[in-house]
Amino acid sequence: QVQLVESGGGSVLPGGSVELSCTASGSIVSIYTMSWFRQVSGKERALVAAATSAGSIRYLDSVKGRFTIVRDIPKNTVYLQMNGLKPEDTAVHYCDAHIQTKQGYSLDTEYWGSGTLVTVSS
């Protein structure tokens, strides 16, 4: 029904910046929440930042002041501007969205992107 595609990952030096983007496509009526999670292999995904259609924004404490999440609602896109990157930010980053879809008139279905790797190292 819906696909989420992330881009922007890569390797960066400590203190550097990366901007991730995620675009949802498919049978979308509206997107309630778009979020970024990160995951190290073998560990649970952790919420990095989330933005709701109502304007609520939240961040993982360790990224506050460094990361900014922005949504472009008409484009079904969310960005994560990551500044002041630290080695501990290294992870696969996944886009997550709660979406109202056309198929079956679903009011809230969660979709995940396939992930993009951000590596912060010297």
Protein backbone atom coordinates (compact mmCIF):
# COMPACT_ATOMS: atom_id res chain seq x y z
CA GLN A 1 0.00 0.00 0.00
CA VAL A 2 2.62 2.49 1.12
CA GLN A 3 6.35 2.73 0.73
CA LEU A 4 8.75 4.84 2.76
CA VAL A 5 12.11 5.60 1.20
CA GLU A 6 14.94 7.17 3.16
CA SER A 7 18.00 8.91 1.83
CA GLY A 8 20.90 10.99 3.07
CA GLY A 9 22.83 8.55 5.19
CA GLY A 10 26.56 8.21 4.97
CA SER A 11 29.83 8.58 6.80
CA VAL A 12 30.66 11.78 8.62
CA LEU A 13 33.30 13.07 11.01
CA PRO A 14 32.45 13.81 14.62
CA GLY A 15 30.93 17.26 14.83
CA GLY A 16 29.69 17.04 11.28
CA SER A 17 26.19 17.25 9.89
CA VAL A 18 23.90 15.03 7.89
CA GLU A 19 20.37 15.55 6.67
CA LEU A 20 18.15 12.55 6.26
CA SER A 21 14.98 12.58 4.24
CA CYS A 22 12.07 10.21 4.00
CA THR A 23 9.28 10.29 1.48
CA ALA A 24 6.13 8.22 1.68
CA SER A 25 4.26 7.21 -1.43
CA GLY A 26 1.27 5.08 -2.26
CA SER A 27 -2.37 5.07 -1.29
CA ILE A 28 -2.07 7.80 1.27
CA VAL A 29 -4.92 9.87 2.57
CA SER A 30 -2.98 11.54 5.35
CA ILE A 31 0.01 10.96 7.57
CA TYR A 32 -0.50 11.51 11.25
CA THR A 33 3.02 11.06 12.51
CA MET A 34 6.39 10.77 10.87
CA SER A 35 9.34 9.76 12.98
CA TRP A 36 12.95 8.79 12.86
CA PHE A 37 14.26 5.83 14.78
CA ARG A 38 17.75 4.48 15.03
CA GLN A 39 19.00 1.02 15.68
CA VAL A 40 22.31 -0.66 16.27
CA SER A 41 22.45 -4.27 15.14
CA GLY A 42 21.07 -6.58 17.78
CA LYS A 43 19.42 -3.82 19.79
CA GLU A 44 15.96 -2.33 19.82
CA ARG A 45 15.06 0.64 17.74
CA ALA A 46 15.02 3.90 19.64
CA LEU A 47 12.96 6.94 18.80
CA VAL A 48 15.16 9.83 17.73
CA ALA A 49 12.56 12.39 16.73
CA ALA A 50 8.88 12.52 15.90
CA ALA A 51 6.54 15.05 14.38
CA THR A 52 2.77 14.78 14.36
CA SER A 53 0.31 16.41 12.02
CA ALA A 54 -0.95 18.36 15.03
CA GLY A 55 2.44 20.01 15.38
CA SER A 56 3.81 18.07 18.32
CA ILE A 57 7.55 17.52 18.21
CA ARG A 58 9.63 15.30 20.44
CA TYR A 59 13.26 14.27 20.55
CA LEU A 60 15.43 11.77 22.23
CA ASP A 61 17.08 13.61 25.10
CA SER A 62 20.57 12.96 23.82
CA VAL A 63 19.86 14.67 20.49
CA LYS A 64 18.03 17.73 21.75
CA GLY A 65 19.71 20.87 20.54
CA ARG A 66 21.56 18.99 17.83
CA PHE A 67 18.86 17.44 15.66
CA THR A 68 15.84 19.03 14.05
CA ILE A 69 12.89 17.22 12.55
CA VAL A 70 10.87 18.97 9.85
CA ARG A 71 7.88 17.79 7.88
CA ASP A 72 6.78 18.83 4.44
CA ILE A 73 3.23 17.62 4.70
CA PRO A 74 2.15 18.20 1.07
CA LYS A 75 5.14 16.17 -0.11
CA ASN A 76 4.65 13.39 2.45
CA THR A 77 8.23 13.98 3.45
CA VAL A 78 10.10 14.29 6.71
CA TYR A 79 13.65 15.49 7.22
CA LEU A 80 16.05 15.04 10.06
CA GLN A 81 18.81 17.61 10.21
CA MET A 82 21.57 16.12 12.32
CA ASN A 83 24.22 18.52 13.57
CA GLY A 84 27.07 18.08 15.97
CA LEU A 85 27.17 14.37 15.31
CA LYS A 86 28.84 12.10 17.80
CA PRO A 87 30.16 8.56 17.40
CA GLU A 88 27.32 7.30 19.56
CA ASP A 89 24.89 8.54 16.91
CA THR A 90 26.14 5.83 14.59
CA ALA A 91 23.18 3.65 13.67
CA VAL A 92 20.83 2.61 10.95
CA HIS A 93 18.13 5.23 10.85
CA TYR A 94 14.60 4.25 9.96
CA CYS A 95 11.70 6.37 8.90
CA ASP A 96 8.40 5.51 10.53
CA ALA A 97 4.96 6.81 9.68
CA HIS A 98 1.44 6.36 10.94
CA ILE A 99 -0.76 6.71 7.91
CA GLN A 100 -4.40 6.81 6.98
CA THR A 101 -4.60 4.73 3.80
CA LYS A 102 -7.19 4.29 1.09
CA GLN A 103 -7.12 0.51 1.12
CA GLY A 104 -9.64 -0.77 3.63
CA TYR A 105 -10.07 2.78 4.87
CA SER A 106 -7.41 2.25 7.47
CA LEU A 107 -7.20 5.15 9.86
CA ASP A 108 -3.82 4.35 11.35
CA THR A 109 -1.36 1.92 9.84
CA GLU A 110 2.33 1.98 10.69
CA TYR A 111 4.92 1.75 7.92
CA TRP A 112 8.68 1.56 8.05
CA GLY A 113 11.39 2.46 5.63
CA SER A 114 14.24 0.09 4.96
CA GLY A 115 16.78 2.23 6.78
CA THR A 116 19.80 4.36 5.98
CA LEU A 117 23.12 4.06 7.77
CA VAL A 118 24.75 7.01 9.47
CA THR A 119 28.32 6.38 10.57
CA VAL A 120 30.10 8.95 12.72
CA SER A 121 33.79 8.23 13.14
CA SER A 122 37.26 9.66 12.74
